[in-house]
């Protein structure tokens, strides 16, 4: 187990993640042998249910299961309860999150590739908090309506929110996977005309509009979905084991 964690860390550099992001081994035995591996976007009820039927030695998840400290793990329906169920069936849990966002070929690069951005540059790193550069910005050919159409075609219209003139030319587009409203000012500083990210509140959208930045918000997990193929491939590469790919289980909460 520890060898796999170290091999993954060599590719994602988890030491650059902020203190609030609990990447690394979350559940299990660092000395456990690993013969079977699964990969998921998030440890949902469906993921745990499948693993209870067909356990693996190691589950690698993009989203951490335990974000907050916990004082108990009781049966029921909660992150602690899902942890309890994984432990019962002998599944160890390894997490890669913002370290994979910023890694070469990670979630941020995958989102930039989805929009076919040119001359891609990183942005959004914060040395004060330890957050790596999880934003990407680059040239884009089209309008805000073009961005809208790409998002709807890939992820469906449910939950997609857009502010701005759809006829506006977007020659420079920024993208941040997950919850990226904190990067609005940083995106403006890059010269971007629009930002694609999730979880943008009303007040942050107003702030973006005041700064002349259009927002395209397809949802938190939707912006992470392009990176999941790369995650499954990376885990297969660093483990040398055929991966049970569970990233097709979409953890979006809005329908």
C-alpha atoms as a PDB file:
ATOM      1  CA  UNK A   1       0.000   0.000   0.000  1.00  0.00           C
ATOM      2  CA  UNK A   2       2.656   2.505   0.996  1.00  0.00           C
ATOM      3  CA  UNK A   3       4.593   1.902  -2.228  1.00  0.00           C
ATOM      4  CA  UNK A   4       1.505   2.774  -4.274  1.00  0.00           C
ATOM      5  CA  UNK A   5       0.867   5.903  -2.219  1.00  0.00           C
ATOM      6  CA  UNK A   6       4.466   6.988  -2.752  1.00  0.00           C
ATOM      7  CA  UNK A   7       4.346   6.239  -6.485  1.00  0.00           C
ATOM      8  CA  UNK A   8       1.196   8.330  -6.837  1.00  0.00           C
ATOM      9  CA  UNK A   9       2.690  11.122  -4.739  1.00  0.00           C
ATOM     10  CA  UNK A  10       5.693  11.237  -7.046  1.00  0.00           C
ATOM     11  CA  UNK A  11       3.310  12.106  -9.875  1.00  0.00           C
ATOM     12  CA  UNK A  12       0.956  14.515  -8.054  1.00  0.00           C
ATOM     13  CA  UNK A  13       3.166  16.197  -5.412  1.00  0.00           C
ATOM     14  CA  UNK A  14       0.640  16.187  -2.530  1.00  0.00           C
ATOM     15  CA  UNK A  15       3.023  18.245  -0.424  1.00  0.00           C
ATOM     16  CA  UNK A  16       1.771  21.303  -2.342  1.00  0.00           C
ATOM     17  CA  UNK A  17      -1.838  20.867  -1.192  1.00  0.00           C
ATOM     18  CA  UNK A  18      -3.368  23.147   1.456  1.00  0.00           C
ATOM     19  CA  UNK A  19      -3.880  21.955   5.007  1.00  0.00           C
ATOM     20  CA  UNK A  20      -7.659  21.633   4.557  1.00  0.00           C
ATOM     21  CA  UNK A  21      -7.279  19.033   1.799  1.00  0.00           C
ATOM     22  CA  UNK A  22      -6.810  15.537   3.334  1.00  0.00           C
ATOM     23  CA  UNK A  23      -5.021  13.802   0.474  1.00  0.00           C
ATOM     24  CA  UNK A  24      -3.170  10.534   0.938  1.00  0.00           C
ATOM     25  CA  UNK A  25      -4.190   7.341   2.720  1.00  0.00           C
ATOM     26  CA  UNK A  26      -7.448   8.020   4.599  1.00  0.00           C
ATOM     27  CA  UNK A  27      -8.444   4.496   5.636  1.00  0.00           C
ATOM     28  CA  UNK A  28      -6.507   1.274   5.995  1.00  0.00           C
ATOM     29  CA  UNK A  29      -3.130  -0.290   6.568  1.00  0.00           C
ATOM     30  CA  UNK A  30      -0.026   1.246   4.936  1.00  0.00           C
ATOM     31  CA  UNK A  31       1.586  -2.202   4.966  1.00  0.00           C
ATOM     32  CA  UNK A  32      -1.344  -4.024   3.334  1.00  0.00           C
ATOM     33  CA  UNK A  33      -0.749  -5.989   0.134  1.00  0.00           C
ATOM     34  CA  UNK A  34      -2.647  -4.713  -2.892  1.00  0.00           C
ATOM     35  CA  UNK A  35      -3.771  -7.043  -5.659  1.00  0.00           C
ATOM     36  CA  UNK A  36      -7.011  -5.293  -6.698  1.00  0.00           C
ATOM     37  CA  UNK A  37      -7.674  -1.590  -7.203  1.00  0.00           C
ATOM     38  CA  UNK A  38     -10.749   0.524  -7.982  1.00  0.00           C
ATOM     39  CA  UNK A  39     -10.974   4.218  -8.847  1.00  0.00           C
ATOM     40  CA  UNK A  40     -13.943   6.534  -8.258  1.00  0.00           C
ATOM     41  CA  UNK A  41     -14.822  10.207  -8.497  1.00  0.00           C
ATOM     42  CA  UNK A  42     -16.391  10.240  -5.027  1.00  0.00           C
ATOM     43  CA  UNK A  43     -17.167   7.610  -2.394  1.00  0.00           C
ATOM     44  CA  UNK A  44     -20.937   7.607  -2.846  1.00  0.00           C
ATOM     45  CA  UNK A  45     -23.515   5.168  -1.511  1.00  0.00           C
ATOM     46  CA  UNK A  46     -23.529   3.446  -4.908  1.00  0.00           C
ATOM     47  CA  UNK A  47     -19.739   3.063  -4.910  1.00  0.00           C
ATOM     48  CA  UNK A  48     -19.738   1.553  -1.418  1.00  0.00           C
ATOM     49  CA  UNK A  49     -22.623  -0.739  -2.302  1.00  0.00           C
ATOM     50  CA  UNK A  50     -20.742  -2.134  -5.280  1.00  0.00           C
ATOM     51  CA  UNK A  51     -17.604  -2.670  -3.237  1.00  0.00           C
ATOM     52  CA  UNK A  52     -19.548  -4.532  -0.588  1.00  0.00           C
ATOM     53  CA  UNK A  53     -20.568  -6.967  -3.324  1.00  0.00           C
ATOM     54  CA  UNK A  54     -17.109  -7.127  -4.941  1.00  0.00           C
ATOM     55  CA  UNK A  55     -14.441  -5.758  -2.566  1.00  0.00           C
ATOM     56  CA  UNK A  56     -11.030  -4.564  -3.709  1.00  0.00           C
ATOM     57  CA  UNK A  57      -7.872  -4.103  -1.690  1.00  0.00           C
ATOM     58  CA  UNK A  58      -7.576  -0.419  -2.533  1.00  0.00           C
ATOM     59  CA  UNK A  59     -10.021   2.284  -3.590  1.00  0.00           C
ATOM     60  CA  UNK A  60      -8.572   5.507  -4.983  1.00  0.00           C
ATOM     61  CA  UNK A  61     -10.991   8.435  -4.821  1.00  0.00           C
ATOM     62  CA  UNK A  62     -10.671  11.913  -6.287  1.00  0.00           C
ATOM     63  CA  UNK A  63     -12.890  13.510  -3.639  1.00  0.00           C
ATOM     64  CA  UNK A  64     -11.854  12.907  -0.030  1.00  0.00           C
ATOM     65  CA  UNK A  65     -14.375  10.907   1.975  1.00  0.00           C
ATOM     66  CA  UNK A  66     -13.509  12.477   5.333  1.00  0.00           C
ATOM     67  CA  UNK A  67     -13.048  16.244   5.142  1.00  0.00           C
ATOM     68  CA  UNK A  68     -13.849  17.070   8.750  1.00  0.00           C
ATOM     69  CA  UNK A  69     -12.462  15.425  11.893  1.00  0.00           C
ATOM     70  CA  UNK A  70     -14.767  12.699  13.180  1.00  0.00           C
ATOM     71  CA  UNK A  71     -15.200  11.231  16.649  1.00  0.00           C
ATOM     72  CA  UNK A  72     -17.199   8.158  15.615  1.00  0.00           C
ATOM     73  CA  UNK A  73     -18.006   5.884  12.683  1.00  0.00           C
ATOM     74  CA  UNK A  74     -21.500   4.506  13.094  1.00  0.00           C
ATOM     75  CA  UNK A  75     -23.801   2.645  10.741  1.00  0.00           C
ATOM     76  CA  UNK A  76     -26.163   4.884   8.808  1.00  0.00           C
ATOM     77  CA  UNK A  77     -25.728   7.323   5.984  1.00  0.00           C
ATOM     78  CA  UNK A  78     -22.823   9.749   6.348  1.00  0.00           C
ATOM     79  CA  UNK A  79     -19.135   9.978   5.430  1.00  0.00           C
ATOM     80  CA  UNK A  80     -18.329   8.246   8.708  1.00  0.00           C
ATOM     81  CA  UNK A  81     -20.837   5.489   7.977  1.00  0.00           C
ATOM     82  CA  UNK A  82     -19.390   4.930   4.506  1.00  0.00           C
ATOM     83  CA  UNK A  83     -15.936   4.770   6.093  1.00  0.00           C
ATOM     84  CA  UNK A  84     -17.201   2.154   8.517  1.00  0.00           C
ATOM     85  CA  UNK A  85     -18.608   0.059   5.672  1.00  0.00           C
ATOM     86  CA  UNK A  86     -15.364   0.242   3.684  1.00  0.00           C
ATOM     87  CA  UNK A  87     -13.369  -0.849   6.717  1.00  0.00           C
ATOM     88  CA  UNK A  88     -15.760  -3.738   7.334  1.00  0.00           C
ATOM     89  CA  UNK A  89     -15.195  -5.106   3.837  1.00  0.00           C
ATOM     90  CA  UNK A  90     -11.429  -4.571   3.982  1.00  0.00           C
ATOM     91  CA  UNK A  91     -11.174  -1.734   1.464  1.00  0.00           C
ATOM     92  CA  UNK A  92      -8.331   0.726   1.994  1.00  0.00           C
ATOM     93  CA  UNK A  93      -8.907   4.295   0.776  1.00  0.00           C
ATOM     94  CA  UNK A  94      -6.344   6.563  -0.913  1.00  0.00           C
ATOM     95  CA  UNK A  95      -7.268  10.123  -1.913  1.00  0.00           C
ATOM     96  CA  UNK A  96      -5.826  12.501  -4.500  1.00  0.00           C
ATOM     97  CA  UNK A  97      -7.592  15.829  -4.891  1.00  0.00           C
ATOM     98  CA  UNK A  98      -6.127  19.306  -5.447  1.00  0.00           C
ATOM     99  CA  UNK A  99      -2.757  17.670  -6.037  1.00  0.00           C
ATOM    100  CA  UNK A 100      -4.288  15.832  -9.009  1.00  0.00           C
ATOM    101  CA  UNK A 101      -6.031  19.039 -10.123  1.00  0.00           C
ATOM    102  CA  UNK A 102      -2.678  20.753 -10.590  1.00  0.00           C
ATOM    103  CA  UNK A 103      -0.653  17.731 -11.761  1.00  0.00           C
ATOM    104  CA  UNK A 104       0.364  17.382 -15.429  1.00  0.00           C
ATOM    105  CA  UNK A 105      -2.521  15.648 -17.174  1.00  0.00           C
ATOM    106  CA  UNK A 106      -4.723  16.149 -14.116  1.00  0.00           C
ATOM    107  CA  UNK A 107      -8.174  17.615 -13.703  1.00  0.00           C
ATOM    108  CA  UNK A 108      -7.266  21.185 -14.637  1.00  0.00           C
ATOM    109  CA  UNK A 109      -5.372  20.122 -17.774  1.00  0.00           C
ATOM    110  CA  UNK A 110      -8.244  17.834 -18.772  1.00  0.00           C
ATOM    111  CA  UNK A 111     -10.752  20.680 -18.474  1.00  0.00           C
ATOM    112  CA  UNK A 112      -8.519  22.944 -20.569  1.00  0.00           C
ATOM    113  CA  UNK A 113      -8.210  20.195 -23.179  1.00  0.00           C
ATOM    114  CA  UNK A 114     -11.987  19.760 -23.244  1.00  0.00           C
ATOM    115  CA  UNK A 115     -12.331  23.377 -24.377  1.00  0.00           C
ATOM    116  CA  UNK A 116      -9.348  23.005 -26.734  1.00  0.00           C
ATOM    117  CA  UNK A 117      -7.608  25.988 -25.206  1.00  0.00           C
ATOM    118  CA  UNK A 118      -4.469  27.192 -26.920  1.00  0.00           C
ATOM    119  CA  UNK A 119      -1.252  28.398 -25.298  1.00  0.00           C
ATOM    120  CA  UNK A 120      -2.459  27.179 -21.922  1.00  0.00           C
ATOM    121  CA  UNK A 121      -1.114  28.851 -18.795  1.00  0.00           C
ATOM    122  CA  UNK A 122      -1.575  28.000 -15.135  1.00  0.00           C
ATOM    123  CA  UNK A 123      -3.087  30.408 -12.628  1.00  0.00           C
ATOM    124  CA  UNK A 124      -4.587  30.450  -9.161  1.00  0.00           C
ATOM    125  CA  UNK A 125      -1.730  29.237  -7.010  1.00  0.00           C
ATOM    126  CA  UNK A 126      -1.633  30.709  -3.500  1.00  0.00           C
ATOM    127  CA  UNK A 127       1.672  30.322  -1.642  1.00  0.00           C
ATOM    128  CA  UNK A 128       0.091  31.689   1.553  1.00  0.00           C
ATOM    129  CA  UNK A 129      -2.421  28.828   1.804  1.00  0.00           C
ATOM    130  CA  UNK A 130      -0.380  26.233  -0.062  1.00  0.00           C
ATOM    131  CA  UNK A 131      -2.973  25.862  -2.809  1.00  0.00           C
ATOM    132  CA  UNK A 132      -1.356  24.788  -6.096  1.00  0.00           C
ATOM    133  CA  UNK A 133      -2.238  26.402  -9.417  1.00  0.00           C
ATOM    134  CA  UNK A 134      -5.461  24.581 -10.252  1.00  0.00           C
ATOM    135  CA  UNK A 135      -6.665  27.102 -12.845  1.00  0.00           C
ATOM    136  CA  UNK A 136      -5.940  27.035 -16.554  1.00  0.00           C
ATOM    137  CA  UNK A 137      -6.380  29.835 -19.083  1.00  0.00           C
ATOM    138  CA  UNK A 138      -5.774  29.978 -22.804  1.00  0.00           C
ATOM    139  CA  UNK A 139      -6.961  31.166 -26.172  1.00  0.00           C
ATOM    140  CA  UNK A 140     -10.420  30.153 -27.342  1.00  0.00           C
ATOM    141  CA  UNK A 141     -12.233  30.592 -30.628  1.00  0.00           C
ATOM    142  CA  UNK A 142     -15.910  31.338 -30.241  1.00  0.00           C
ATOM    143  CA  UNK A 143     -18.514  33.211 -28.268  1.00  0.00           C
ATOM    144  CA  UNK A 144     -19.978  32.738 -24.814  1.00  0.00           C
ATOM    145  CA  UNK A 145     -22.763  30.891 -26.613  1.00  0.00           C
ATOM    146  CA  UNK A 146     -20.161  28.496 -28.018  1.00  0.00           C
ATOM    147  CA  UNK A 147     -18.924  27.745 -24.499  1.00  0.00           C
ATOM    148  CA  UNK A 148     -22.538  27.240 -23.389  1.00  0.00           C
ATOM    149  CA  UNK A 149     -23.190  24.782 -26.231  1.00  0.00           C
ATOM    150  CA  UNK A 150     -20.049  22.760 -25.484  1.00  0.00           C
ATOM    151  CA  UNK A 151     -20.979  22.467 -21.806  1.00  0.00           C
ATOM    152  CA  UNK A 152     -24.600  21.516 -22.454  1.00  0.00           C
ATOM    153  CA  UNK A 153     -23.605  18.983 -25.127  1.00  0.00           C
ATOM    154  CA  UNK A 154     -21.150  17.264 -22.781  1.00  0.00           C
ATOM    155  CA  UNK A 155     -22.890  17.488 -19.421  1.00  0.00           C
ATOM    156  CA  UNK A 156     -26.533  18.135 -20.296  1.00  0.00           C
ATOM    157  CA  UNK A 157     -28.566  21.281 -19.580  1.00  0.00           C
ATOM    158  CA  UNK A 158     -29.425  20.414 -15.972  1.00  0.00           C
ATOM    159  CA  UNK A 159     -27.923  22.887 -13.552  1.00  0.00           C
ATOM    160  CA  UNK A 160     -25.964  24.907 -16.116  1.00  0.00           C
ATOM    161  CA  UNK A 161     -25.926  28.602 -15.211  1.00  0.00           C
ATOM    162  CA  UNK A 162     -24.488  31.387 -17.373  1.00  0.00           C
ATOM    163  CA  UNK A 163     -24.145  35.122 -16.898  1.00  0.00           C
ATOM    164  CA  UNK A 164     -23.133  37.377 -19.743  1.00  0.00           C
ATOM    165  CA  UNK A 165     -24.013  38.160 -23.353  1.00  0.00           C
ATOM    166  CA  UNK A 166     -23.980  34.895 -25.308  1.00  0.00           C
ATOM    167  CA  UNK A 167     -22.923  36.819 -28.438  1.00  0.00           C
ATOM    168  CA  UNK A 168     -19.820  38.123 -26.660  1.00  0.00           C
ATOM    169  CA  UNK A 169     -16.586  37.004 -28.291  1.00  0.00           C
ATOM    170  CA  UNK A 170     -14.512  34.881 -25.919  1.00  0.00           C
ATOM    171  CA  UNK A 171     -10.943  34.896 -27.182  1.00  0.00           C
ATOM    172  CA  UNK A 172      -9.474  33.941 -23.815  1.00  0.00           C
ATOM    173  CA  UNK A 173     -11.154  31.428 -21.523  1.00  0.00           C
ATOM    174  CA  UNK A 174     -10.321  30.430 -17.946  1.00  0.00           C
ATOM    175  CA  UNK A 175     -11.327  27.154 -16.309  1.00  0.00           C
ATOM    176  CA  UNK A 176     -11.114  25.898 -12.728  1.00  0.00           C
ATOM    177  CA  UNK A 177     -12.346  22.398 -11.827  1.00  0.00           C
ATOM    178  CA  UNK A 178     -14.643  22.038  -8.828  1.00  0.00           C
ATOM    179  CA  UNK A 179     -15.485  25.057  -6.714  1.00  0.00           C
ATOM    180  CA  UNK A 180     -13.647  27.985  -8.266  1.00  0.00           C
ATOM    181  CA  UNK A 181     -15.438  31.206  -7.376  1.00  0.00           C
ATOM    182  CA  UNK A 182     -12.452  32.262  -5.250  1.00  0.00           C
ATOM    183  CA  UNK A 183     -10.460  32.537  -8.498  1.00  0.00           C
ATOM    184  CA  UNK A 184     -12.605  35.200 -10.165  1.00  0.00           C
ATOM    185  CA  UNK A 185     -10.143  38.040  -9.587  1.00  0.00           C
ATOM    186  CA  UNK A 186      -7.219  35.823 -10.609  1.00  0.00           C
ATOM    187  CA  UNK A 187      -9.043  34.897 -13.822  1.00  0.00           C
ATOM    188  CA  UNK A 188      -9.657  38.562 -14.603  1.00  0.00           C
ATOM    189  CA  UNK A 189      -5.956  39.259 -14.071  1.00  0.00           C
ATOM    190  CA  UNK A 190      -5.122  36.709 -16.782  1.00  0.00           C
ATOM    191  CA  UNK A 191      -7.190  38.643 -19.329  1.00  0.00           C
ATOM    192  CA  UNK A 192      -9.902  35.972 -19.538  1.00  0.00           C
ATOM    193  CA  UNK A 193     -13.298  37.023 -20.851  1.00  0.00           C
ATOM    194  CA  UNK A 194     -15.113  34.109 -19.221  1.00  0.00           C
ATOM    195  CA  UNK A 195     -14.561  31.586 -16.441  1.00  0.00           C
ATOM    196  CA  UNK A 196     -15.899  28.029 -16.378  1.00  0.00           C
ATOM    197  CA  UNK A 197     -16.167  26.630 -12.853  1.00  0.00           C
ATOM    198  CA  UNK A 198     -18.662  25.354 -10.287  1.00  0.00           C
ATOM    199  CA  UNK A 199     -20.378  26.493  -7.092  1.00  0.00           C
ATOM    200  CA  UNK A 200     -20.502  30.201  -7.937  1.00  0.00           C
ATOM    201  CA  UNK A 201     -22.780  32.105  -5.552  1.00  0.00           C
ATOM    202  CA  UNK A 202     -25.006  35.050  -6.448  1.00  0.00           C
ATOM    203  CA  UNK A 203     -22.703  37.600  -4.845  1.00  0.00           C
ATOM    204  CA  UNK A 204     -19.576  36.203  -6.463  1.00  0.00           C
ATOM    205  CA  UNK A 205     -21.361  36.262  -9.833  1.00  0.00           C
ATOM    206  CA  UNK A 206     -22.212  39.926  -9.312  1.00  0.00           C
ATOM    207  CA  UNK A 207     -18.558  40.577  -8.488  1.00  0.00           C
ATOM    208  CA  UNK A 208     -17.514  38.820 -11.704  1.00  0.00           C
ATOM    209  CA  UNK A 209     -19.993  40.840 -13.762  1.00  0.00           C
ATOM    210  CA  UNK A 210     -18.694  44.075 -12.238  1.00  0.00           C
ATOM    211  CA  UNK A 211     -15.208  43.046 -13.354  1.00  0.00           C
ATOM    212  CA  UNK A 212     -16.388  42.230 -16.884  1.00  0.00           C
ATOM    213  CA  UNK A 213     -16.017  38.464 -16.502  1.00  0.00           C
ATOM    214  CA  UNK A 214     -18.708  36.096 -17.759  1.00  0.00           C
ATOM    215  CA  UNK A 215     -19.393  32.972 -15.694  1.00  0.00           C
ATOM    216  CA  UNK A 216     -20.310  29.515 -16.950  1.00  0.00           C
ATOM    217  CA  UNK A 217     -21.226  27.232 -14.043  1.00  0.00           C
ATOM    218  CA  UNK A 218     -22.165  23.667 -15.063  1.00  0.00           C
ATOM    219  CA  UNK A 219     -21.849  22.448 -11.468  1.00  0.00           C
ATOM    220  CA  UNK A 220     -19.083  21.338  -9.150  1.00  0.00           C
ATOM    221  CA  UNK A 221     -18.604  17.763 -10.288  1.00  0.00           C
ATOM    222  CA  UNK A 222     -19.298  18.443 -13.967  1.00  0.00           C
ATOM    223  CA  UNK A 223     -16.140  20.521 -14.242  1.00  0.00           C
ATOM    224  CA  UNK A 224     -14.174  17.627 -12.744  1.00  0.00           C
ATOM    225  CA  UNK A 225     -15.587  14.898 -14.988  1.00  0.00           C
ATOM    226  CA  UNK A 226     -13.107  15.350 -17.899  1.00  0.00           C
ATOM    227  CA  UNK A 227     -10.253  14.541 -15.518  1.00  0.00           C
ATOM    228  CA  UNK A 228     -11.591  11.206 -14.305  1.00  0.00           C
ATOM    229  CA  UNK A 229     -10.405   9.262 -17.349  1.00  0.00           C
ATOM    230  CA  UNK A 230      -6.897  10.498 -16.680  1.00  0.00           C
ATOM    231  CA  UNK A 231      -7.147   9.527 -13.017  1.00  0.00           C
ATOM    232  CA  UNK A 232      -8.094   5.946 -13.833  1.00  0.00           C
ATOM    233  CA  UNK A 233      -5.236   5.743 -16.339  1.00  0.00           C
ATOM    234  CA  UNK A 234      -2.756   7.185 -13.853  1.00  0.00           C
ATOM    235  CA  UNK A 235      -3.694   4.683 -11.143  1.00  0.00           C
ATOM    236  CA  UNK A 236      -3.376   1.788 -13.591  1.00  0.00           C
ATOM    237  CA  UNK A 237       0.052   3.100 -14.571  1.00  0.00           C
ATOM    238  CA  UNK A 238       1.457   3.580 -11.062  1.00  0.00           C
ATOM    239  CA  UNK A 239       0.046   0.289  -9.706  1.00  0.00           C
ATOM    240  CA  UNK A 240       0.575  -1.948 -12.726  1.00  0.00           C
ATOM    241  CA  UNK A 241      -2.829  -3.468 -11.890  1.00  0.00           C
ATOM    242  CA  UNK A 242      -5.969  -3.631 -14.022  1.00  0.00           C
ATOM    243  CA  UNK A 243      -8.205  -0.970 -12.487  1.00  0.00           C
ATOM    244  CA  UNK A 244     -11.881  -1.404 -11.701  1.00  0.00           C
ATOM    245  CA  UNK A 245     -13.038   1.900 -13.177  1.00  0.00           C
ATOM    246  CA  UNK A 246     -15.944   3.274 -11.135  1.00  0.00           C
ATOM    247  CA  UNK A 247     -15.567   6.849 -12.378  1.00  0.00           C
ATOM    248  CA  UNK A 248     -18.689   6.331 -14.497  1.00  0.00           C
ATOM    249  CA  UNK A 249     -20.665   6.782 -11.274  1.00  0.00           C
ATOM    250  CA  UNK A 250     -21.379  10.521 -11.449  1.00  0.00           C
ATOM    251  CA  UNK A 251     -21.661  12.033  -7.957  1.00  0.00           C
ATOM    252  CA  UNK A 252     -23.554  15.160  -9.010  1.00  0.00           C
ATOM    253  CA  UNK A 253     -26.174  16.158  -6.442  1.00  0.00           C
ATOM    254  CA  UNK A 254     -28.519  18.171  -8.668  1.00  0.00           C
ATOM    255  CA  UNK A 255     -30.828  16.492 -11.180  1.00  0.00           C
END
